[in-house]
């Protein structure tokens, strides 16, 4: 078990360093989790990120709705994500210029 914890600690350190390098370290954990979920969905082929799809991702599935929506609002304000021009609400795209 100690070896597993040690490896997990190294992995967490690497994640922390990468978050710092990409400018994500100053985001609260909830915002990072929503952003990671959205990024994973894009990698899986989703061009447009619907709120319903993001909410189902394992990283945020247990997140309270109010917390989820606050995280979305923060990501929009900081321009990590953008509203899709095709819809007024509930659909987003990643801002490739943000990271």
N, C-alpha and C. Protein backbone atom coordinates (compact mmCIF):
# COMPACT_ATOMS: atom_id res chain seq x y z
N UNK A 1 0.82 -1.19 0.00
CA UNK A 1 0.00 0.00 0.00
C UNK A 1 0.87 1.26 0.00
N UNK A 2 1.97 1.24 0.73
CA UNK A 2 2.84 2.41 0.81
C UNK A 2 3.35 2.81 -0.57
N UNK A 3 3.70 1.81 -1.40
CA UNK A 3 4.20 2.11 -2.73
C UNK A 3 3.11 2.80 -3.56
N UNK A 4 1.88 2.34 -3.44
CA UNK A 4 0.77 2.96 -4.16
C UNK A 4 0.55 4.40 -3.73
N UNK A 5 0.63 4.66 -2.44
CA UNK A 5 0.46 6.03 -1.93
C UNK A 5 1.61 6.91 -2.40
N UNK A 6 2.81 6.34 -2.39
CA UNK A 6 3.98 7.09 -2.85
C UNK A 6 3.84 7.47 -4.32
N UNK A 7 3.39 6.54 -5.14
CA UNK A 7 3.18 6.82 -6.56
C UNK A 7 2.08 7.86 -6.75
N UNK A 8 1.04 7.77 -5.96
CA UNK A 8 -0.04 8.74 -6.03
C UNK A 8 0.45 10.13 -5.64
N UNK A 9 1.31 10.21 -4.64
CA UNK A 9 1.88 11.49 -4.22
C UNK A 9 2.71 12.10 -5.35
N UNK A 10 3.51 11.28 -6.02
CA UNK A 10 4.30 11.79 -7.15
C UNK A 10 3.41 12.26 -8.29
N UNK A 11 2.37 11.51 -8.55
CA UNK A 11 1.42 11.89 -9.59
C UNK A 11 0.74 13.21 -9.26
N UNK A 12 0.37 13.39 -8.01
CA UNK A 12 -0.26 14.64 -7.57
C UNK A 12 0.70 15.81 -7.69
N UNK A 13 1.97 15.60 -7.37
CA UNK A 13 2.97 16.65 -7.54
C UNK A 13 3.11 17.03 -9.01
N UNK A 14 3.13 16.05 -9.88
CA UNK A 14 3.22 16.31 -11.32
C UNK A 14 2.00 17.09 -11.80
N UNK A 15 0.82 16.69 -11.35
CA UNK A 15 -0.40 17.41 -11.70
C UNK A 15 -0.33 18.85 -11.24
N UNK A 16 0.12 19.07 -10.01
CA UNK A 16 0.24 20.42 -9.47
C UNK A 16 1.18 21.27 -10.32
N UNK A 17 2.32 20.70 -10.69
CA UNK A 17 3.28 21.43 -11.52
C UNK A 17 2.69 21.78 -12.88
N UNK A 18 1.97 20.84 -13.48
CA UNK A 18 1.35 21.10 -14.78
C UNK A 18 0.27 22.16 -14.67
N UNK A 19 -0.52 22.11 -13.59
CA UNK A 19 -1.55 23.13 -13.39
C UNK A 19 -0.92 24.52 -13.25
N UNK A 20 0.20 24.59 -12.57
CA UNK A 20 0.90 25.88 -12.45
C UNK A 20 1.39 26.35 -13.81
N UNK A 21 2.00 25.45 -14.56
CA UNK A 21 2.53 25.80 -15.88
C UNK A 21 1.44 26.28 -16.83
N UNK A 22 0.24 25.71 -16.73
CA UNK A 22 -0.86 26.04 -17.63
C UNK A 22 -1.75 27.17 -17.11
N UNK A 23 -1.43 27.68 -15.93
CA UNK A 23 -2.23 28.78 -15.38
C UNK A 23 -3.54 28.34 -14.75
N UNK A 24 -3.63 27.08 -14.37
CA UNK A 24 -4.85 26.56 -13.77
C UNK A 24 -4.79 26.49 -12.25
N UNK A 25 -3.61 26.65 -11.68
CA UNK A 25 -3.43 26.45 -10.24
C UNK A 25 -4.22 27.42 -9.40
N UNK A 26 -4.51 28.60 -9.93
CA UNK A 26 -5.24 29.58 -9.13
C UNK A 26 -6.76 29.39 -9.21
N UNK A 27 -7.22 28.45 -10.03
CA UNK A 27 -8.64 28.12 -10.05
C UNK A 27 -8.97 27.22 -8.87
N UNK A 28 -10.11 27.43 -8.22
CA UNK A 28 -10.53 26.49 -7.18
C UNK A 28 -10.74 25.09 -7.77
N UNK A 29 -10.69 24.09 -6.93
CA UNK A 29 -10.79 22.70 -7.39
C UNK A 29 -12.06 22.44 -8.20
N UNK A 30 -13.19 22.98 -7.78
CA UNK A 30 -14.43 22.74 -8.53
C UNK A 30 -14.34 23.25 -9.96
N UNK A 31 -13.77 24.44 -10.14
CA UNK A 31 -13.62 24.99 -11.48
C UNK A 31 -12.67 24.13 -12.31
N UNK A 32 -11.60 23.67 -11.69
CA UNK A 32 -10.67 22.80 -12.41
C UNK A 32 -11.35 21.51 -12.83
N UNK A 33 -12.15 20.94 -11.93
CA UNK A 33 -12.84 19.69 -12.26
C UNK A 33 -13.81 19.86 -13.41
N UNK A 34 -14.56 20.96 -13.42
CA UNK A 34 -15.48 21.22 -14.54
C UNK A 34 -14.69 21.42 -15.82
N UNK A 35 -13.60 22.17 -15.75
CA UNK A 35 -12.77 22.40 -16.94
C UNK A 35 -12.17 21.09 -17.44
N UNK A 36 -11.68 20.24 -16.54
CA UNK A 36 -11.13 18.95 -16.94
C UNK A 36 -12.20 18.07 -17.57
N UNK A 37 -13.40 18.07 -17.00
CA UNK A 37 -14.50 17.28 -17.56
C UNK A 37 -14.82 17.76 -18.98
N UNK A 38 -14.87 19.06 -19.16
CA UNK A 38 -15.16 19.62 -20.48
C UNK A 38 -14.05 19.26 -21.47
N UNK A 39 -12.82 19.35 -21.03
CA UNK A 39 -11.69 19.01 -21.90
C UNK A 39 -11.74 17.54 -22.30
N UNK A 40 -12.07 16.66 -21.36
CA UNK A 40 -12.17 15.24 -21.66
C UNK A 40 -13.28 14.97 -22.68
N UNK A 41 -14.39 15.68 -22.55
CA UNK A 41 -15.48 15.50 -23.51
C UNK A 41 -15.07 15.96 -24.91
N UNK A 42 -14.33 17.04 -24.98
CA UNK A 42 -13.83 17.50 -26.28
C UNK A 42 -12.90 16.45 -26.88
N UNK A 43 -12.03 15.88 -26.05
CA UNK A 43 -11.12 14.83 -26.53
C UNK A 43 -11.89 13.60 -27.01
N UNK A 44 -13.08 13.38 -26.45
CA UNK A 44 -13.92 12.25 -26.86
C UNK A 44 -14.75 12.56 -28.10
N UNK A 45 -14.58 13.77 -28.67
CA UNK A 45 -15.27 14.09 -29.91
C UNK A 45 -16.42 15.05 -29.81
N UNK A 46 -16.73 15.55 -28.63
CA UNK A 46 -17.81 16.52 -28.49
C UNK A 46 -17.32 17.89 -28.97
N UNK A 47 -17.97 18.44 -29.97
CA UNK A 47 -17.59 19.77 -30.45
C UNK A 47 -18.24 20.85 -29.61
N UNK A 48 -19.49 20.61 -29.26
CA UNK A 48 -20.26 21.55 -28.46
C UNK A 48 -20.52 20.90 -27.11
N UNK A 49 -20.24 21.60 -26.05
CA UNK A 49 -20.37 21.03 -24.70
C UNK A 49 -21.69 21.45 -24.10
N UNK A 50 -22.61 20.50 -24.02
CA UNK A 50 -23.91 20.76 -23.42
C UNK A 50 -23.80 20.58 -21.91
N UNK A 51 -24.49 21.44 -21.18
CA UNK A 51 -24.46 21.38 -19.72
C UNK A 51 -24.81 19.98 -19.22
N UNK A 52 -25.83 19.36 -19.83
CA UNK A 52 -26.27 18.03 -19.39
C UNK A 52 -25.16 16.99 -19.54
N UNK A 53 -24.40 17.07 -20.63
CA UNK A 53 -23.31 16.12 -20.85
C UNK A 53 -22.19 16.31 -19.84
N UNK A 54 -21.86 17.56 -19.58
CA UNK A 54 -20.78 17.85 -18.64
C UNK A 54 -21.16 17.36 -17.24
N UNK A 55 -22.41 17.59 -16.84
CA UNK A 55 -22.87 17.17 -15.51
C UNK A 55 -22.76 15.67 -15.30
N UNK A 56 -22.78 14.89 -16.37
CA UNK A 56 -22.71 13.43 -16.25
C UNK A 56 -21.29 12.90 -16.17
N UNK A 57 -20.31 13.76 -16.41
CA UNK A 57 -18.92 13.30 -16.37
C UNK A 57 -18.56 12.91 -14.93
N UNK A 58 -17.81 11.81 -14.74
CA UNK A 58 -17.48 11.34 -13.38
C UNK A 58 -16.80 12.39 -12.49
N UNK A 59 -16.05 13.31 -13.06
CA UNK A 59 -15.38 14.32 -12.23
C UNK A 59 -16.34 15.29 -11.57
N UNK A 60 -17.53 15.45 -12.14
CA UNK A 60 -18.47 16.44 -11.61
C UNK A 60 -19.86 15.87 -11.32
N UNK A 61 -20.05 14.58 -11.55
CA UNK A 61 -21.37 13.98 -11.40
C UNK A 61 -21.95 14.15 -10.00
N UNK A 62 -21.12 14.18 -8.98
CA UNK A 62 -21.59 14.31 -7.61
C UNK A 62 -21.56 15.76 -7.11
N UNK A 63 -21.17 16.68 -7.96
CA UNK A 63 -21.07 18.08 -7.58
C UNK A 63 -22.48 18.67 -7.45
N UNK A 64 -22.75 19.39 -6.36
CA UNK A 64 -24.07 20.03 -6.22
C UNK A 64 -24.34 20.98 -7.39
N UNK A 65 -25.58 21.04 -7.85
CA UNK A 65 -25.91 21.90 -9.00
C UNK A 65 -25.48 23.35 -8.85
N UNK A 66 -25.67 23.93 -7.68
CA UNK A 66 -25.28 25.33 -7.49
C UNK A 66 -23.77 25.51 -7.65
N UNK A 67 -23.01 24.57 -7.13
CA UNK A 67 -21.55 24.62 -7.24
C UNK A 67 -21.13 24.48 -8.70
N UNK A 68 -21.78 23.56 -9.41
CA UNK A 68 -21.49 23.35 -10.83
C UNK A 68 -21.72 24.63 -11.62
N UNK A 69 -22.86 25.27 -11.39
CA UNK A 69 -23.19 26.48 -12.15
C UNK A 69 -22.29 27.67 -11.78
N UNK A 70 -21.89 27.74 -10.52
CA UNK A 70 -20.92 28.78 -10.14
C UNK A 70 -19.59 28.55 -10.84
N UNK A 71 -19.19 27.29 -10.93
CA UNK A 71 -17.94 26.96 -11.62
C UNK A 71 -18.03 27.35 -13.10
N UNK A 72 -19.15 27.04 -13.74
CA UNK A 72 -19.34 27.45 -15.14
C UNK A 72 -19.25 28.96 -15.28
N UNK A 73 -19.89 29.67 -14.37
CA UNK A 73 -19.88 31.13 -14.42
C UNK A 73 -18.45 31.66 -14.31
N UNK A 74 -17.68 31.11 -13.39
CA UNK A 74 -16.29 31.54 -13.22
C UNK A 74 -15.47 31.24 -14.48
N UNK A 75 -15.65 30.05 -15.04
CA UNK A 75 -14.91 29.69 -16.25
C UNK A 75 -15.28 30.60 -17.42
N UNK A 76 -16.54 31.00 -17.49
CA UNK A 76 -16.97 31.96 -18.52
C UNK A 76 -16.35 33.33 -18.28
N UNK A 77 -16.41 33.80 -17.04
CA UNK A 77 -15.86 35.11 -16.71
C UNK A 77 -14.36 35.19 -16.99
N UNK A 78 -13.68 34.09 -16.73
CA UNK A 78 -12.22 34.07 -16.94
C UNK A 78 -11.85 33.63 -18.35
N UNK A 79 -12.88 33.39 -19.16
CA UNK A 79 -12.75 33.05 -20.57
C UNK A 79 -11.99 31.75 -20.83
N UNK A 80 -12.10 30.80 -19.90
CA UNK A 80 -11.59 29.46 -20.17
C UNK A 80 -12.55 28.74 -21.12
N UNK A 81 -13.83 29.10 -21.03
CA UNK A 81 -14.85 28.57 -21.93
C UNK A 81 -15.63 29.75 -22.50
N UNK A 82 -16.30 29.49 -23.62
CA UNK A 82 -17.12 30.51 -24.27
C UNK A 82 -18.48 29.92 -24.58
N UNK A 83 -19.48 30.78 -24.63
CA UNK A 83 -20.80 30.31 -25.07
C UNK A 83 -20.72 30.03 -26.56
N UNK A 84 -21.37 28.96 -26.97
CA UNK A 84 -21.38 28.65 -28.39
C UNK A 84 -22.27 29.65 -29.12
N UNK A 85 -21.87 30.09 -30.29
CA UNK A 85 -22.67 31.08 -31.00
C UNK A 85 -24.00 30.53 -31.50
N UNK A 86 -24.14 29.21 -31.57
CA UNK A 86 -25.37 28.62 -32.10
C UNK A 86 -26.50 28.56 -31.08
N UNK A 87 -26.17 28.64 -29.81
CA UNK A 87 -27.19 28.54 -28.76
C UNK A 87 -26.97 29.67 -27.76
N UNK A 88 -28.07 30.08 -27.13
CA UNK A 88 -27.95 31.16 -26.15
C UNK A 88 -27.60 30.63 -24.76
N UNK A 89 -28.11 29.46 -24.41
CA UNK A 89 -27.86 28.91 -23.08
C UNK A 89 -27.53 27.42 -23.18
N UNK A 90 -26.78 26.95 -22.19
CA UNK A 90 -26.56 25.52 -22.02
C UNK A 90 -25.56 24.86 -22.95
N UNK A 91 -24.83 25.65 -23.74
CA UNK A 91 -23.85 25.05 -24.64
C UNK A 91 -22.60 25.92 -24.68
N UNK A 92 -21.46 25.25 -24.63
CA UNK A 92 -20.19 25.96 -24.52
C UNK A 92 -19.14 25.33 -25.43
N UNK A 93 -18.08 26.06 -25.65
CA UNK A 93 -16.89 25.55 -26.32
C UNK A 93 -15.68 25.96 -25.48
N UNK A 94 -14.61 25.19 -25.58
CA UNK A 94 -13.38 25.57 -24.90
C UNK A 94 -12.76 26.74 -25.64
N UNK A 95 -12.19 27.66 -24.90
CA UNK A 95 -11.45 28.77 -25.49
C UNK A 95 -10.01 28.31 -25.66
N UNK A 96 -9.64 27.97 -26.86
CA UNK A 96 -8.29 27.45 -27.11
C UNK A 96 -7.19 28.45 -26.81
N UNK A 97 -7.54 29.71 -26.70
CA UNK A 97 -6.54 30.74 -26.40
C UNK A 97 -6.30 30.90 -24.90
N UNK A 98 -7.12 30.25 -24.07
CA UNK A 98 -7.03 30.46 -22.62
C UNK A 98 -5.92 29.66 -21.96
N UNK A 99 -5.59 28.51 -22.50
CA UNK A 99 -4.58 27.65 -21.89
C UNK A 99 -3.53 27.31 -22.92
